[in-house]
Amino acid sequence: YQGPGPTAGPSNVILPKGASVAQIAHTLKGAGVIGSGKVFQLAVRFTGAGRSLKAGEYEFPAGASMAQVLEAIRQGRVVRHLISVPEGFTSEMVLDAVMAEPVLTGDAAAPPEGSVLPDSYQVQRGQSRAEVIQAMRAAQDALLARLWAGRAPGLPFTTPQEAVTLASIVEKETGIPAERPRIAALFENRLRQGIKLESDPTIIYGLTKGRP
C-alpha cells in the first residue's frame, strides 16, 4: 500500500460519477495504476475514504504508491484543461473556443456580446459547455460590479453595459496600453458633446463581427 506501484505509466484514468469502490478499483487495476484491486478496496474500507472519492479525470505518474493514488482521488486532484479567452474576443469567437474543446460535452449558445471576462479558464472532462460559458459570464459580472461601483463621477454613460461597449472600442483603437486613457478621454468628451465617435473599430465590427 505504501510502496511503489506499477511502473508502466503515466496513466490517465476517468472515474465516472456514481462508480462504486469495486468499479474504481477495477478501472485503476485495468489501467495499470495499482497492482491489486482487492488491496485497494481494503485500503478504502480501513481509511474510511469510501464516501469521499471524487469522480473525474486523473493522471497518475509511473510508480505512484496506492496510498498516493487513493489520496489524489480523495482530494479530487483531477486533470484540468485550459480554455483561453483573449481580450478582444467576440461572443462568437468565445463560443468557437468552447465548442472546440473536445473534453467538454453538449451544445451551447453564444453569450451576449461583452458578457464574458477575458481570461484562461480551467475545465474538466465531461463538464458541459453551457456550464463553462455561464462561469465565464459570472466572472465578468463579478468584476464589472466591482468596477462599476468604484467608477469616476460624471461619466457620459449610465449603465455597466455601455461602459463595456466603450472600453471595447478603446481596446480596438490601439494596441498600446499607455494610449488608452487619452483615447478614452477623447471619446468621453465626444459623448458629452453629443457628436460621433468617428471610430474605425465600430465600422469594422459592423462588417466582420469582430473577426480578422
Protein backbone atom coordinates (compact mmCIF):
# COMPACT_ATOMS: atom_id res chain seq x y z
CA TYR A 1 0.00 0.00 0.00
CA GLN A 2 2.80 2.44 0.88
CA GLY A 3 5.38 1.01 -1.52
CA PRO A 4 5.93 1.88 -5.18
CA GLY A 5 3.20 0.92 -7.59
CA PRO A 6 3.37 -0.37 -11.17
CA THR A 7 5.99 1.38 -13.28
CA ALA A 8 4.10 1.32 -16.59
CA GLY A 9 2.90 4.91 -16.74
CA PRO A 10 1.97 7.68 -16.50
CA SER A 11 -1.68 6.69 -16.84
CA ASN A 12 -4.78 8.74 -17.45
CA VAL A 13 -7.93 7.32 -15.90
CA ILE A 14 -11.52 8.57 -15.99
CA LEU A 15 -13.60 7.71 -12.92
CA PRO A 16 -17.30 8.25 -13.72
CA LYS A 17 -19.79 9.71 -11.30
CA GLY A 18 -21.58 7.13 -9.19
CA ALA A 19 -18.91 4.46 -9.61
CA SER A 20 -18.64 2.03 -6.72
CA VAL A 21 -15.39 1.34 -4.89
CA ALA A 22 -15.18 -2.02 -6.67
CA GLN A 23 -15.64 -0.35 -10.06
CA ILE A 24 -12.98 2.25 -9.26
CA ALA A 25 -10.57 -0.47 -8.15
CA HIS A 26 -11.28 -2.44 -11.35
CA THR A 27 -10.65 0.66 -13.50
CA LEU A 28 -7.39 1.51 -11.73
CA LYS A 29 -6.17 -2.10 -11.93
CA GLY A 30 -7.06 -2.32 -15.63
CA ALA A 31 -5.15 0.89 -16.36
CA GLY A 32 -2.05 -0.41 -14.60
CA VAL A 33 -2.21 2.24 -11.87
CA ILE A 34 -2.44 -0.21 -8.96
CA GLY A 35 -1.30 -3.79 -8.60
CA SER A 36 -4.28 -5.17 -6.70
CA GLY A 37 -7.91 -4.18 -6.79
CA LYS A 38 -8.64 -6.15 -3.62
CA VAL A 39 -5.94 -4.38 -1.62
CA PHE A 40 -7.28 -1.04 -2.88
CA GLN A 41 -10.80 -1.89 -1.69
CA LEU A 42 -9.44 -2.93 1.69
CA ALA A 43 -7.49 0.33 1.92
CA VAL A 44 -10.62 2.35 1.14
CA ARG A 45 -12.51 0.48 3.84
CA PHE A 46 -9.83 0.85 6.53
CA THR A 47 -9.18 4.54 5.79
CA GLY A 48 -12.87 5.41 5.64
CA ALA A 49 -12.40 7.03 2.24
CA GLY A 50 -15.39 5.38 0.58
CA ARG A 51 -17.66 8.43 0.71
CA SER A 52 -15.03 10.97 -0.30
CA LEU A 53 -13.78 9.50 -3.58
CA LYS A 54 -14.33 12.05 -6.35
CA ALA A 55 -15.15 11.41 -9.99
CA GLY A 56 -13.14 12.95 -12.80
CA GLU A 57 -10.08 12.52 -14.99
CA TYR A 58 -6.84 11.68 -13.20
CA GLU A 59 -3.23 11.35 -14.32
CA PHE A 60 -1.05 9.12 -12.17
CA PRO A 61 2.74 9.03 -12.53
CA ALA A 62 4.53 5.74 -13.02
CA GLY A 63 5.38 4.08 -9.73
CA ALA A 64 2.82 6.01 -7.66
CA SER A 65 2.02 4.15 -4.47
CA MET A 66 -1.52 3.03 -3.78
CA ALA A 67 -1.56 5.48 -0.86
CA GLN A 68 -0.74 8.35 -3.24
CA VAL A 69 -3.38 7.20 -5.74
CA LEU A 70 -6.07 7.00 -3.08
CA GLU A 71 -5.15 10.40 -1.64
CA ALA A 72 -5.31 12.01 -5.10
CA ILE A 73 -8.83 10.64 -5.61
CA ARG A 74 -9.89 11.73 -2.12
CA GLN A 75 -8.59 15.25 -2.75
CA GLY A 76 -10.13 15.40 -6.23
CA ARG A 77 -6.84 16.33 -7.92
CA VAL A 78 -8.33 15.92 -11.37
CA VAL A 79 -6.72 16.86 -14.67
CA ARG A 80 -7.80 20.35 -15.70
CA HIS A 81 -7.82 21.65 -19.25
CA LEU A 82 -7.48 25.33 -20.16
CA ILE A 83 -9.63 27.46 -22.48
CA SER A 84 -8.13 30.87 -23.23
CA VAL A 85 -10.33 33.88 -23.99
CA PRO A 86 -8.02 36.72 -25.06
CA GLU A 87 -9.02 40.35 -24.83
CA GLY A 88 -10.89 41.37 -27.96
CA PHE A 89 -12.67 38.04 -28.49
CA THR A 90 -16.27 38.48 -29.57
CA SER A 91 -19.06 36.28 -28.23
CA GLU A 92 -18.98 34.14 -31.38
CA MET A 93 -15.23 33.64 -31.02
CA VAL A 94 -15.73 32.64 -27.37
CA LEU A 95 -18.33 30.09 -28.46
CA ASP A 96 -15.93 28.72 -31.09
CA ALA A 97 -13.23 28.22 -28.44
CA VAL A 98 -15.62 26.44 -26.09
CA MET A 99 -17.08 24.25 -28.82
CA ALA A 100 -13.58 23.27 -29.99
CA GLU A 101 -12.58 21.85 -26.59
CA PRO A 102 -13.06 18.07 -27.01
CA VAL A 103 -13.27 17.22 -23.30
CA LEU A 104 -16.50 19.22 -22.88
CA THR A 105 -20.00 17.94 -23.58
CA GLY A 106 -23.22 19.27 -25.04
CA ASP A 107 -24.03 22.36 -27.06
CA ALA A 108 -24.14 25.99 -26.00
CA ALA A 109 -25.40 29.27 -27.38
CA ALA A 110 -23.22 32.29 -27.96
CA PRO A 111 -23.26 34.56 -24.90
CA PRO A 112 -24.38 38.18 -25.26
CA GLU A 113 -21.65 40.42 -26.63
CA GLY A 114 -19.37 41.75 -23.91
CA SER A 115 -20.67 39.37 -21.23
CA VAL A 116 -17.57 37.13 -20.93
CA LEU A 117 -14.44 38.04 -18.96
CA PRO A 118 -11.19 37.61 -20.94
CA ASP A 119 -9.14 35.06 -19.00
CA SER A 120 -7.90 31.47 -19.01
CA TYR A 121 -10.45 29.03 -17.61
CA GLN A 122 -9.85 25.59 -16.16
CA VAL A 123 -12.37 22.97 -17.31
CA GLN A 124 -12.80 19.31 -16.55
CA ARG A 125 -13.54 16.40 -18.86
CA GLY A 126 -17.27 15.81 -19.04
CA GLN A 127 -18.20 19.34 -17.99
CA SER A 128 -20.97 20.87 -20.10
CA ARG A 129 -20.19 23.71 -22.49
CA ALA A 130 -23.19 25.67 -21.28
CA GLU A 131 -21.84 25.45 -17.73
CA VAL A 132 -18.43 26.74 -18.82
CA ILE A 133 -19.91 29.74 -20.63
CA GLN A 134 -22.05 30.51 -17.59
CA ALA A 135 -18.93 30.51 -15.41
CA MET A 136 -17.25 32.93 -17.83
CA ARG A 137 -20.26 35.25 -17.63
CA ALA A 138 -20.34 35.04 -13.84
CA ALA A 139 -16.67 36.09 -13.70
CA GLN A 140 -17.46 39.10 -15.90
CA ASP A 141 -20.48 40.07 -13.78
CA ALA A 142 -18.43 39.97 -10.58
CA LEU A 143 -15.60 42.11 -11.97
CA LEU A 144 -17.93 44.58 -13.66
CA ALA A 145 -19.99 45.07 -10.50
CA ARG A 146 -16.83 45.91 -8.54
CA LEU A 147 -15.50 48.31 -11.19
CA TRP A 148 -18.86 50.00 -11.73
CA ALA A 149 -19.24 50.65 -8.01
CA GLY A 150 -15.90 52.49 -7.99
CA ARG A 151 -16.37 54.44 -11.24
CA ALA A 152 -15.47 58.09 -11.58
CA PRO A 153 -18.33 60.61 -11.22
CA GLY A 154 -19.85 62.37 -14.21
CA LEU A 155 -19.23 59.74 -16.86
CA PRO A 156 -21.24 60.20 -20.08
CA PHE A 157 -22.92 56.80 -19.89
CA THR A 158 -25.36 55.32 -17.42
CA THR A 159 -25.04 51.52 -17.44
CA PRO A 160 -22.22 48.99 -16.96
CA GLN A 161 -23.01 47.59 -20.40
CA GLU A 162 -22.35 50.98 -22.00
CA ALA A 163 -19.04 51.15 -20.13
CA VAL A 164 -18.06 47.74 -21.55
CA THR A 165 -19.01 48.86 -25.06
CA LEU A 166 -16.86 51.97 -24.82
CA ALA A 167 -13.99 50.00 -23.27
CA SER A 168 -14.10 47.53 -26.17
CA ILE A 169 -13.91 50.38 -28.67
CA VAL A 170 -10.90 51.85 -26.85
CA GLU A 171 -9.32 48.38 -26.78
CA LYS A 172 -9.55 48.09 -30.55
CA GLU A 173 -8.32 51.64 -31.23
CA THR A 174 -4.78 50.91 -30.04
CA GLY A 175 -2.55 48.05 -29.02
CA ILE A 176 -0.51 50.32 -26.73
CA PRO A 177 -1.92 50.33 -23.17
CA ALA A 178 -0.41 53.74 -22.34
CA GLU A 179 -2.51 55.35 -25.09
CA ARG A 180 -5.86 54.07 -23.84
CA PRO A 181 -6.52 56.70 -21.13
CA ARG A 182 -6.08 59.50 -23.68
CA ILE A 183 -8.30 57.77 -26.23
CA ALA A 184 -10.95 57.09 -23.58
CA ALA A 185 -10.89 60.75 -22.52
CA LEU A 186 -11.34 61.82 -26.15
CA PHE A 187 -14.36 59.55 -26.59
CA GLU A 188 -15.88 60.71 -23.29
CA ASN A 189 -15.62 64.33 -24.45
CA ARG A 190 -17.28 63.47 -27.76
CA LEU A 191 -20.10 61.68 -25.93
CA ARG A 192 -20.65 64.70 -23.68
CA GLN A 193 -20.85 66.94 -26.72
CA GLY A 194 -23.23 64.60 -28.50
CA ILE A 195 -21.02 64.14 -31.54
CA LYS A 196 -19.98 60.97 -33.36
CA LEU A 197 -17.10 58.90 -32.04
CA GLU A 198 -15.66 58.54 -35.57
CA SER A 199 -14.01 55.28 -34.51
CA ASP A 200 -12.86 52.84 -37.19
CA PRO A 201 -13.34 49.72 -34.98
CA THR A 202 -17.09 50.39 -34.82
CA ILE A 203 -17.29 50.16 -38.62
CA ILE A 204 -15.04 47.10 -38.76
CA TYR A 205 -17.17 45.32 -36.17
CA GLY A 206 -20.29 46.00 -38.20
CA LEU A 207 -18.66 44.43 -41.25
CA THR A 208 -16.84 41.45 -39.72
CA LYS A 209 -18.47 40.93 -36.28
CA GLY A 210 -15.00 41.33 -34.80
CA ARG A 211 -13.29 38.59 -36.79
CA PRO A 212 -9.98 39.32 -38.56
